[in-house]
Protein backbone atom coordinates (compact mmCIF):
# COMPACT_ATOMS: atom_id res chain seq x y z
CA MET A 1 124.01 154.22 108.53
CA PRO A 2 120.62 156.00 109.11
CA TRP A 3 117.39 154.72 107.67
CA CYS A 4 113.94 156.13 106.92
CA PRO A 5 111.34 154.27 108.97
CA VAL A 6 108.67 154.99 106.34
CA CYS A 7 110.17 154.32 102.94
CA LYS A 8 113.06 152.15 104.25
CA ASN A 9 115.67 154.08 102.25
CA GLU A 10 119.20 154.26 103.55
CA TYR A 11 121.01 157.61 103.89
CA LYS A 12 124.67 158.71 104.33
CA GLU A 13 125.98 159.56 107.75
CA GLY A 14 125.11 163.05 108.86
CA ILE A 15 121.68 163.25 107.21
CA LEU A 16 118.98 163.48 109.84
CA ARG A 17 115.64 163.65 107.92
CA CYS A 18 114.22 161.80 104.92
CA ALA A 19 113.89 164.08 101.91
CA ASP A 20 110.86 162.20 100.59
CA CYS A 21 108.89 161.42 103.80
CA ASN A 22 110.06 164.43 105.90
CA VAL A 23 110.49 162.25 109.00
CA ASP A 24 113.51 161.77 111.25
CA LEU A 25 115.87 159.03 110.29
CA VAL A 26 116.69 156.15 112.64
CA GLU A 27 119.92 154.23 113.22
CA GLN A 28 118.21 150.81 112.75
CA LEU A 29 114.94 149.71 111.23
CA THR A 30 112.49 147.84 113.46
CA GLU A 31 111.05 145.04 111.35
CA GLU A 32 107.28 144.72 111.40
CA LYS A 33 105.37 141.45 111.75
CA LYS A 34 102.78 140.32 109.24
CA ALA A 35 99.81 138.07 110.06
CA ILE A 36 99.76 134.89 107.90
CA TYR A 37 96.98 132.81 109.47
CA PHE A 38 93.90 133.17 111.67
CA GLY A 39 92.10 130.38 113.62
CA GLU A 40 91.93 128.42 116.82
CA LEU A 41 94.80 128.64 119.33
CA LYS A 42 95.53 124.95 119.30
CA LYS A 43 95.90 124.86 115.50
CA LEU A 44 98.04 127.99 115.46
CA LYS A 45 100.43 126.47 118.01
CA THR A 46 100.75 123.41 115.78
CA ILE A 47 101.49 125.62 112.72
CA ASP A 48 104.01 127.65 114.68
CA ALA A 49 105.81 124.49 115.79
CA PHE A 50 105.85 123.33 112.14
CA LEU A 51 107.39 126.72 111.03
CA LYS A 52 110.04 126.48 113.69
CA GLU A 53 110.90 123.01 112.49
CA ASN A 54 111.51 124.49 109.09
CA GLY A 55 113.63 127.47 110.18
CA ILE A 56 111.03 130.24 110.86
CA GLU A 57 111.66 131.32 114.42
CA SER A 58 109.83 134.63 114.35
CA GLY A 59 106.32 133.22 114.73
CA ASN A 60 104.08 135.00 117.33
CA ILE A 61 100.53 134.17 118.34
CA THR A 62 98.30 137.03 119.54
CA PHE A 63 94.55 137.54 120.13
CA GLU A 64 92.90 140.07 117.82
CA GLN A 65 90.35 141.88 119.97
CA GLU A 66 88.37 143.46 117.08
CA GLU A 67 87.93 140.21 115.17
CA GLN A 68 87.84 138.06 118.33
CA VAL A 69 90.23 135.54 116.78
CA TYR A 70 93.80 134.33 117.24
CA GLU A 71 96.38 135.24 114.60
CA LEU A 72 99.84 134.01 113.79
CA SER A 73 102.35 136.59 112.63
CA VAL A 74 106.00 136.45 111.41
CA LEU A 75 108.60 139.01 110.58
CA GLU A 76 108.09 140.65 107.20
CA SER A 77 111.42 139.24 106.00
CA ASP A 78 110.12 135.67 106.78
CA GLN A 79 106.69 136.19 105.36
CA LYS A 80 107.16 134.68 101.86
CA LYS A 81 108.95 131.59 103.17
CA ALA A 82 106.44 131.19 106.03
CA VAL A 83 103.46 131.36 103.67
CA ARG A 84 105.11 128.71 101.44
CA ILE A 85 105.70 126.42 104.41
CA LEU A 86 102.17 127.10 105.69
CA GLY A 87 100.78 125.95 102.33
CA ILE A 88 102.72 122.63 102.67
CA PHE A 89 101.30 122.20 106.17
CA LEU A 90 97.68 122.84 105.09
CA ARG A 91 97.96 120.46 102.11
CA GLU A 92 99.29 117.65 104.36
CA GLU A 93 96.59 118.37 106.90
CA GLU A 94 93.96 118.01 104.16
CA LYS A 95 95.50 114.75 102.97
CA ASN A 96 95.48 113.37 106.53
CA ALA A 97 91.83 114.46 106.97
CA ASP A 98 90.86 112.67 103.76
CA LYS A 99 92.79 109.53 104.84
CA HIS A 100 91.15 109.64 108.25
CA ILE A 101 87.69 109.81 106.65
CA GLU A 102 88.62 106.94 104.29
CA ASP A 103 89.90 104.83 107.19
CA GLU A 104 86.63 105.52 109.13
CA ASN A 105 84.61 104.51 106.12
CA GLN A 106 86.57 101.25 105.74
CA GLU A 107 86.17 100.53 109.45
CA GLU A 108 82.41 101.08 109.27
CA ALA A 109 82.22 98.83 106.18
CA GLN A 110 84.21 96.09 107.96
CA THR A 111 81.93 96.44 110.98
CA GLU A 112 78.81 96.18 108.85
CA LYS A 113 80.27 93.13 107.09
CA LYS A 114 81.09 91.50 110.41
CA GLU A 115 77.55 92.23 111.67
CA ARG A 116 76.12 90.59 108.52
CA GLU A 117 78.23 87.49 108.93
CA PRO A 118 76.51 84.74 110.89
CA ALA A 119 77.86 84.14 114.32
CA ALA A 120 79.64 80.84 114.98
CA VAL A 121 77.12 78.20 115.97
CA TYR A 122 78.03 75.94 118.86
CA VAL A 123 77.76 72.19 118.12
CA ASP A 124 77.81 69.76 121.06
CA LYS A 125 80.84 67.53 120.65
CA LYS A 126 79.00 64.58 122.18
CA TYR A 127 76.25 65.00 119.57
CA LYS A 128 78.83 65.22 116.83
CA ALA A 129 80.56 62.08 118.19
CA ASP A 130 77.25 60.20 118.12
CA GLU A 131 76.79 61.20 114.49
CA TYR A 132 80.16 59.75 113.56
CA LYS A 133 79.32 56.57 115.57
CA THR A 134 76.05 56.12 113.65
CA SER A 135 77.83 56.67 110.30
CA ALA A 136 80.54 54.17 111.22
CA TYR A 137 78.04 51.41 112.06
CA THR A 138 76.03 52.08 108.89
CA LEU A 139 79.12 51.95 106.74
CA PHE A 140 80.36 48.74 108.44
CA PHE A 141 76.95 47.12 107.97
CA VAL A 142 76.72 48.01 104.28
CA GLY A 143 80.35 47.05 103.58
CA ILE A 144 80.18 43.63 105.34
CA LEU A 145 76.84 42.83 103.87
CA GLY A 146 78.11 43.66 100.39
CA ILE A 147 81.20 41.43 100.83
CA VAL A 148 78.99 38.58 102.08
CA PHE A 149 76.82 39.06 99.02
CA LEU A 150 79.83 38.78 96.66
CA VAL A 151 81.10 35.64 98.51
CA CYS A 152 77.72 34.03 98.11
CA MET A 153 77.70 34.86 94.40
CA GLY A 154 81.22 33.40 94.01
CA LEU A 155 80.08 30.16 95.67
CA ASP A 156 76.93 30.01 93.43
CA LEU A 157 74.75 30.26 96.46
CA LEU A 158 72.60 32.82 94.63
CA PRO A 159 71.45 31.05 91.52
CA ILE A 160 69.23 33.91 90.54
CA PHE A 161 72.22 35.52 88.80
CA ASN A 162 73.15 33.83 85.56
CA LEU A 163 76.04 35.96 84.32
CA GLY A 164 78.92 35.33 82.05
CA THR A 165 82.43 34.93 83.45
CA SER A 166 83.70 38.34 82.25
CA THR A 167 80.62 40.11 83.57
CA LYS A 168 80.99 38.38 86.95
CA ILE A 169 84.63 39.42 87.19
CA MET A 170 83.83 43.04 86.37
CA MET A 171 80.99 43.06 88.88
CA TYR A 172 83.26 41.51 91.61
CA VAL A 173 85.89 44.21 90.97
CA VAL A 174 83.53 47.17 90.96
CA LEU A 175 81.30 46.08 93.84
CA GLY A 176 84.26 44.74 95.83
CA THR A 177 86.05 48.04 95.52
CA LEU A 178 82.90 49.89 96.58
CA PHE A 179 82.32 47.75 99.58
CA VAL A 180 85.93 48.01 100.70
CA VAL A 181 85.69 51.78 100.42
CA PHE A 182 82.57 51.59 102.72
CA LEU A 183 84.60 49.64 105.25
CA GLY A 184 87.44 52.17 105.01
CA PHE A 185 85.11 55.10 105.69
CA GLY A 186 83.59 53.13 108.51
CA ILE A 187 86.98 52.71 110.13
CA TYR A 188 87.72 56.44 109.63
CA SER A 189 84.31 57.36 111.19
CA MET A 190 84.92 55.07 114.13
CA LYS A 191 88.33 56.70 114.82
CA ALA A 192 86.77 60.14 114.52
CA TYR A 193 84.05 59.05 116.91
CA LYS A 194 86.53 58.02 119.56
CA LYS A 195 88.61 61.19 119.17
CA ILE A 196 85.60 63.51 119.39
CA LEU A 197 84.14 61.56 122.31
CA ALA A 198 87.33 62.17 124.25
CA GLU A 199 87.17 65.87 123.31
CA SER A 200 83.58 66.03 124.44
CA LEU A 201 84.47 64.70 127.88
CA GLU A 202 87.18 67.39 128.20
CA GLU A 203 84.69 70.06 126.98
CA GLU A 204 82.06 68.93 129.56
CA SER A 205 84.67 69.32 132.28
CA LEU A 206 85.64 72.75 131.00
CA ILE A 207 81.98 73.89 130.76
CA LYS A 208 81.47 72.78 134.34
CA LYS A 209 84.48 74.83 135.51
CA VAL A 210 83.33 77.91 133.59
CA GLU A 211 79.77 77.72 134.93
CA GLU A 212 81.02 77.36 138.50
CA TYR A 213 83.28 80.36 138.04
CA LEU A 214 80.53 82.48 136.55
CA ASN A 215 78.09 81.50 139.34
CA LYS A 216 80.59 82.80 141.91
CA THR A 217 81.86 85.92 140.18
CA VAL A 218 79.13 87.19 137.86
CA THR A 219 75.95 87.43 139.93
CA LYS A 220 73.01 89.81 139.80
CA GLU A 221 74.61 91.80 142.56
CA THR A 222 77.97 92.22 140.83
CA ILE A 223 76.27 93.16 137.57
CA LYS A 224 74.12 95.71 139.35
CA THR A 225 77.14 97.22 141.00
CA SER A 226 79.00 97.45 137.71
CA LEU A 227 76.07 99.11 135.99
CA ASN A 228 75.81 101.70 138.82
CA LYS A 229 79.48 102.47 138.47
CA LYS A 230 78.95 103.11 134.76
CA GLU A 231 75.93 105.24 135.67
CA ILE A 232 73.66 103.12 133.37
CA GLU A 233 70.10 103.53 134.46
CA ASN A 234 66.63 103.19 132.89
CA GLU A 235 68.08 101.67 129.69
CA ASN A 236 65.70 99.85 127.40
CA PRO A 237 65.70 95.99 127.77
CA GLU A 238 67.58 95.42 124.52
CA ASP A 239 70.49 97.73 125.50
CA MET A 240 70.61 96.24 129.02
CA TYR A 241 70.80 92.75 127.51
CA PHE A 242 73.81 93.67 125.35
CA GLU A 243 75.49 95.48 128.28
CA ILE A 244 75.09 92.54 130.63
CA THR A 245 76.10 89.87 128.13
CA ALA A 246 79.20 91.94 127.30
CA MET A 247 80.13 91.89 131.01
CA ILE A 248 79.65 88.07 131.20
CA GLU A 249 81.71 87.53 128.07
CA ALA A 250 84.55 89.84 129.24
CA GLU A 251 84.70 88.04 132.60
CA MET A 252 84.98 84.65 130.83
CA LYS A 253 87.67 85.86 128.41
CA LYS A 254 89.65 87.14 131.37
CA ALA A 255 89.58 83.81 133.20
CA PHE A 256 89.41 81.43 130.21
CA PRO A 257 91.17 83.19 127.27
CA ASP A 258 91.34 80.06 125.07
CA LEU A 259 87.57 79.48 124.82
CA GLU A 260 86.23 79.09 121.30
CA GLU A 261 83.94 81.88 120.07
CA ALA A 262 80.98 79.56 119.57
CA LEU A 263 81.32 78.05 123.06
CA LEU A 264 81.88 81.53 124.54
CA ALA A 265 78.62 82.74 123.01
CA LYS A 266 76.74 79.66 124.19
CA LEU A 267 78.00 79.94 127.82
CA THR A 268 77.30 83.70 127.85
CA GLU A 269 73.67 83.14 126.73
CA ASP A 270 73.25 80.21 129.15
CA HIS A 271 74.44 82.28 132.16
CA TYR A 272 72.27 85.23 131.25
CA THR A 273 69.25 82.83 131.08
CA ARG A 274 70.12 81.39 134.49
CA LEU A 275 70.24 84.87 136.01
CA TYR A 276 67.29 86.62 134.42
CA GLU A 277 64.86 84.06 132.94
């Protein structure tokens, strides 16, 4: 059946011209394409792929010379559906953009919080062990001295106290309990001292190994070579400090992944000091 290419009306067989448009009829209409979106080529390709996933196969990307911009077109018969799908795509894109901004803000907030938090402070285990040892001896001394005092009172070796029987019993119970508690804490402190002392010996051995490793692998020469590879030159002293300490820390983590953060920070600072101060 013939068609008018202008008004799109269908005619009976044998009619050759359109009565309204006065143009020759054609056997088949050629469907035109309509532009639905303009923008960057990369984004248009993404939109076109999304349209194809949703059944619109007629998408075509061209470059508009007059406007100097890329445009995405579809067949006129697909236009309404394509515009509806395009709206869904743009809404999802906007949601993702908002979520990305929110995630970035949360990440920045977490980073700021982490920067505000005080870094872990290294405490020498040997020093900590000595503190437990001092506490243990003090508690033992007070506990034993208190028990001796109570025994002397029970044997009436301290006549300065003239107390009634019930008062004495109450005092023996209260003070006796207190002095026994002192002895108990003294025993606990002594056990903690021995445990931490053993840990301090292991830590000293570990520190020695780490320092020997750093002295061999992280030298001024290796640091300079690494900075040259990264093309870092003429940085201010503060930036250079952070760059170099980051290298030292990374090298230690690679060789000794189980190092505690506080000890890691101490050894990093110590090695930097040995190299540059």
